[in-house]
Amino acid sequence: LLNINEAADEILLLDDEDSQKIPFRIGQTFVHFDSVSVLIIFAFSCI
C-alpha cells in the first residue's frame, strides 16, 4: 500500500507531456494509460 501511495504522488508531479502515456503492468503485460486512469486504478486497489 505504501508503494501505491508513493507512485500516485509521483504521477501527480509529472508534467502534461509525460502524463499522457504511463506504462502499467498487469500480469506479464505492460499497457499504457493516462495519469487520470492510473490514479483511478490506484484508488480502487487501495479499497
PDB file of N, CA and C in Angstrom:
ATOM      1  N   LEU A   1       0.833  -1.201   0.000  1.00  0.00           N
ATOM      2  CA  LEU A   1       0.000   0.000   0.000  1.00  0.00           C
ATOM      3  C   LEU A   1       0.868   1.253   0.000  1.00  0.00           C
ATOM      4  N   LEU A   2       1.985   1.192   0.677  1.00  0.00           N
ATOM      5  CA  LEU A   2       2.878   2.348   0.735  1.00  0.00           C
ATOM      6  C   LEU A   2       3.439   2.668  -0.644  1.00  0.00           C
ATOM      7  N   ASN A   3       3.806   1.638  -1.424  1.00  0.00           N
ATOM      8  CA  ASN A   3       4.331   1.864  -2.763  1.00  0.00           C
ATOM      9  C   ASN A   3       3.287   2.464  -3.695  1.00  0.00           C
ATOM     10  N   ILE A   4       2.031   2.081  -3.537  1.00  0.00           N
ATOM     11  CA  ILE A   4       0.967   2.636  -4.373  1.00  0.00           C
ATOM     12  C   ILE A   4       0.800   4.122  -4.083  1.00  0.00           C
ATOM     13  N   ASN A   5       0.831   4.504  -2.823  1.00  0.00           N
ATOM     14  CA  ASN A   5       0.716   5.925  -2.468  1.00  0.00           C
ATOM     15  C   ASN A   5       1.891   6.727  -2.994  1.00  0.00           C
ATOM     16  N   GLU A   6       3.081   6.166  -2.906  1.00  0.00           N
ATOM     17  CA  GLU A   6       4.266   6.856  -3.427  1.00  0.00           C
ATOM     18  C   GLU A   6       4.179   7.007  -4.943  1.00  0.00           C
ATOM     19  N   ALA A   7       3.720   5.960  -5.632  1.00  0.00           N
ATOM     20  CA  ALA A   7       3.579   6.027  -7.092  1.00  0.00           C
ATOM     21  C   ALA A   7       2.535   7.074  -7.477  1.00  0.00           C
ATOM     22  N   ALA A   8       1.436   7.137  -6.744  1.00  0.00           N
ATOM     23  CA  ALA A   8       0.401   8.129  -7.041  1.00  0.00           C
ATOM     24  C   ALA A   8       0.949   9.546  -6.861  1.00  0.00           C
ATOM     25  N   ASP A   9       1.752   9.743  -5.830  1.00  0.00           N
ATOM     26  CA  ASP A   9       2.360  11.064  -5.617  1.00  0.00           C
ATOM     27  C   ASP A   9       3.294  11.423  -6.772  1.00  0.00           C
ATOM     28  N   GLU A  10       4.060  10.456  -7.244  1.00  0.00           N
ATOM     29  CA  GLU A  10       4.976  10.706  -8.363  1.00  0.00           C
ATOM     30  C   GLU A  10       4.208  11.044  -9.641  1.00  0.00           C
ATOM     31  N   ILE A  11       3.087  10.381  -9.863  1.00  0.00           N
ATOM     32  CA  ILE A  11       2.273  10.647 -11.054  1.00  0.00           C
ATOM     33  C   ILE A  11       1.720  12.065 -11.016  1.00  0.00           C
ATOM     34  N   LEU A  12       1.330  12.512  -9.840  1.00  0.00           N
ATOM     35  CA  LEU A  12       0.806  13.866  -9.710  1.00  0.00           C
ATOM     36  C   LEU A  12       1.855  14.922 -10.043  1.00  0.00           C
ATOM     37  N   LEU A  13       3.135  14.581  -9.885  1.00  0.00           N
ATOM     38  CA  LEU A  13       4.216  15.526 -10.147  1.00  0.00           C
ATOM     39  C   LEU A  13       4.625  15.582 -11.622  1.00  0.00           C
ATOM     40  N   LEU A  14       4.132  14.655 -12.440  1.00  0.00           N
ATOM     41  CA  LEU A  14       4.505  14.639 -13.854  1.00  0.00           C
ATOM     42  C   LEU A  14       3.923  15.843 -14.588  1.00  0.00           C
ATOM     43  N   ASP A  15       4.641  16.307 -15.611  1.00  0.00           N
ATOM     44  CA  ASP A  15       4.084  17.382 -16.432  1.00  0.00           C
ATOM     45  C   ASP A  15       3.111  16.782 -17.448  1.00  0.00           C
ATOM     46  N   ASP A  16       2.407  17.620 -18.183  1.00  0.00           N
ATOM     47  CA  ASP A  16       1.353  17.162 -19.085  1.00  0.00           C
ATOM     48  C   ASP A  16       1.862  16.201 -20.154  1.00  0.00           C
ATOM     49  N   GLU A  17       3.032  16.483 -20.694  1.00  0.00           N
ATOM     50  CA  GLU A  17       3.563  15.636 -21.759  1.00  0.00           C
ATOM     51  C   GLU A  17       3.893  14.234 -21.248  1.00  0.00           C
ATOM     52  N   ASP A  18       4.509  14.145 -20.078  1.00  0.00           N
ATOM     53  CA  ASP A  18       4.899  12.848 -19.528  1.00  0.00           C
ATOM     54  C   ASP A  18       3.719  12.054 -18.983  1.00  0.00           C
ATOM     55  N   SER A  19       2.626  12.714 -18.658  1.00  0.00           N
ATOM     56  CA  SER A  19       1.499  12.015 -18.050  1.00  0.00           C
ATOM     57  C   SER A  19       0.523  11.453 -19.079  1.00  0.00           C
ATOM     58  N   GLN A  20       0.831  11.586 -20.353  1.00  0.00           N
ATOM     59  CA  GLN A  20      -0.067  11.080 -21.391  1.00  0.00           C
ATOM     60  C   GLN A  20       0.012   9.560 -21.527  1.00  0.00           C
ATOM     61  N   LYS A  21       1.199   8.976 -21.373  1.00  0.00           N
ATOM     62  CA  LYS A  21       1.376   7.542 -21.523  1.00  0.00           C
ATOM     63  C   LYS A  21       2.203   7.015 -20.361  1.00  0.00           C
ATOM     64  N   ILE A  22       1.538   6.379 -19.407  1.00  0.00           N
ATOM     65  CA  ILE A  22       2.221   5.804 -18.258  1.00  0.00           C
ATOM     66  C   ILE A  22       2.112   4.284 -18.373  1.00  0.00           C
ATOM     67  N   PRO A  23       3.258   3.586 -18.447  1.00  0.00           N
ATOM     68  CA  PRO A  23       3.189   2.123 -18.519  1.00  0.00           C
ATOM     69  C   PRO A  23       2.707   1.546 -17.194  1.00  0.00           C
ATOM     70  N   PHE A  24       1.815   0.584 -17.281  1.00  0.00           N
ATOM     71  CA  PHE A  24       1.219  -0.036 -16.099  1.00  0.00           C
ATOM     72  C   PHE A  24       1.254  -1.540 -16.325  1.00  0.00           C
ATOM     73  N   ARG A  25       1.801  -2.268 -15.386  1.00  0.00           N
ATOM     74  CA  ARG A  25       1.951  -3.711 -15.551  1.00  0.00           C
ATOM     75  C   ARG A  25       0.721  -4.432 -15.016  1.00  0.00           C
ATOM     76  N   ILE A  26       0.145  -5.260 -15.872  1.00  0.00           N
ATOM     77  CA  ILE A  26      -0.969  -6.127 -15.487  1.00  0.00           C
ATOM     78  C   ILE A  26      -0.533  -7.543 -15.835  1.00  0.00           C
ATOM     79  N   GLY A  27      -0.232  -8.333 -14.831  1.00  0.00           N
ATOM     80  CA  GLY A  27       0.303  -9.668 -15.073  1.00  0.00           C
ATOM     81  C   GLY A  27       1.682  -9.553 -15.695  1.00  0.00           C
ATOM     82  N   GLN A  28       1.852 -10.149 -16.879  1.00  0.00           N
ATOM     83  CA  GLN A  28       3.127 -10.083 -17.584  1.00  0.00           C
ATOM     84  C   GLN A  28       3.096  -9.081 -18.729  1.00  0.00           C
ATOM     85  N   THR A  29       2.041  -8.279 -18.797  1.00  0.00           N
ATOM     86  CA  THR A  29       1.855  -7.347 -19.900  1.00  0.00           C
ATOM     87  C   THR A  29       1.889  -5.907 -19.403  1.00  0.00           C
ATOM     88  N   PHE A  30       2.535  -5.047 -20.171  1.00  0.00           N
ATOM     89  CA  PHE A  30       2.514  -3.617 -19.888  1.00  0.00           C
ATOM     90  C   PHE A  30       1.511  -2.955 -20.820  1.00  0.00           C
ATOM     91  N   VAL A  31       0.637  -2.151 -20.255  1.00  0.00           N
ATOM     92  CA  VAL A  31      -0.299  -1.346 -21.038  1.00  0.00           C
ATOM     93  C   VAL A  31      -0.053   0.114 -20.674  1.00  0.00           C
ATOM     94  N   HIS A  32      -0.457   1.023 -21.528  1.00  0.00           N
ATOM     95  CA  HIS A  32      -0.249   2.444 -21.284  1.00  0.00           C
ATOM     96  C   HIS A  32      -1.584   3.124 -20.994  1.00  0.00           C
ATOM     97  N   PHE A  33      -1.622   3.870 -19.913  1.00  0.00           N
ATOM     98  CA  PHE A  33      -2.791   4.638 -19.524  1.00  0.00           C
ATOM     99  C   PHE A  33      -2.377   6.090 -19.333  1.00  0.00           C
ATOM    100  N   ASP A  34      -3.358   6.985 -19.340  1.00  0.00           N
ATOM    101  CA  ASP A  34      -3.051   8.368 -18.969  1.00  0.00           C
ATOM    102  C   ASP A  34      -3.034   8.462 -17.442  1.00  0.00           C
ATOM    103  N   SER A  35      -2.554   9.581 -16.921  1.00  0.00           N
ATOM    104  CA  SER A  35      -2.364   9.708 -15.476  1.00  0.00           C
ATOM    105  C   SER A  35      -3.669   9.607 -14.694  1.00  0.00           C
ATOM    106  N   VAL A  36      -4.749  10.134 -15.221  1.00  0.00           N
ATOM    107  CA  VAL A  36      -6.035  10.074 -14.521  1.00  0.00           C
ATOM    108  C   VAL A  36      -6.492   8.626 -14.373  1.00  0.00           C
ATOM    109  N   SER A  37      -6.359   7.844 -15.429  1.00  0.00           N
ATOM    110  CA  SER A  37      -6.757   6.436 -15.373  1.00  0.00           C
ATOM    111  C   SER A  37      -5.927   5.651 -14.363  1.00  0.00           C
ATOM    112  N   VAL A  38      -4.621   5.898 -14.337  1.00  0.00           N
ATOM    113  CA  VAL A  38      -3.752   5.192 -13.396  1.00  0.00           C
ATOM    114  C   VAL A  38      -4.113   5.567 -11.962  1.00  0.00           C
ATOM    115  N   LEU A  39      -4.394   6.829 -11.704  1.00  0.00           N
ATOM    116  CA  LEU A  39      -4.768   7.238 -10.346  1.00  0.00           C
ATOM    117  C   LEU A  39      -6.090   6.603  -9.918  1.00  0.00           C
ATOM    118  N   ILE A  40      -7.010   6.431 -10.854  1.00  0.00           N
ATOM    119  CA  ILE A  40      -8.280   5.747 -10.545  1.00  0.00           C
ATOM    120  C   ILE A  40      -8.020   4.285 -10.221  1.00  0.00           C
ATOM    121  N   ILE A  41      -7.154   3.636 -10.991  1.00  0.00           N
ATOM    122  CA  ILE A  41      -6.805   2.239 -10.720  1.00  0.00           C
ATOM    123  C   ILE A  41      -6.172   2.120  -9.335  1.00  0.00           C
ATOM    124  N   PHE A  42      -5.258   3.042  -8.993  1.00  0.00           N
ATOM    125  CA  PHE A  42      -4.630   3.023  -7.671  1.00  0.00           C
ATOM    126  C   PHE A  42      -5.668   3.218  -6.573  1.00  0.00           C
ATOM    127  N   ALA A  43      -6.614   4.102  -6.783  1.00  0.00           N
ATOM    128  CA  ALA A  43      -7.637   4.363  -5.764  1.00  0.00           C
ATOM    129  C   ALA A  43      -8.462   3.112  -5.495  1.00  0.00           C
ATOM    130  N   PHE A  44      -8.823   2.385  -6.543  1.00  0.00           N
ATOM    131  CA  PHE A  44      -9.609   1.166  -6.347  1.00  0.00           C
ATOM    132  C   PHE A  44      -8.782   0.042  -5.747  1.00  0.00           C
ATOM    133  N   SER A  45      -7.482   0.033  -5.987  1.00  0.00           N
ATOM    134  CA  SER A  45      -6.652  -1.031  -5.417  1.00  0.00           C
ATOM    135  C   SER A  45      -6.390  -0.812  -3.930  1.00  0.00           C
ATOM    136  N   CYS A  46      -6.631   0.393  -3.437  1.00  0.00           N
ATOM    137  CA  CYS A  46      -6.423   0.679  -2.012  1.00  0.00           C
ATOM    138  C   CYS A  46      -7.653   0.378  -1.175  1.00  0.00           C
ATOM    139  N   ILE A  47      -8.749   0.065  -1.809  1.00  0.00           N
ATOM    140  CA  ILE A  47     -10.001  -0.185  -1.062  1.00  0.00           C
ATOM    141  C   ILE A  47      -9.949  -1.527  -0.379  1.00  0.00           C
TER     142      ILE A  47
END
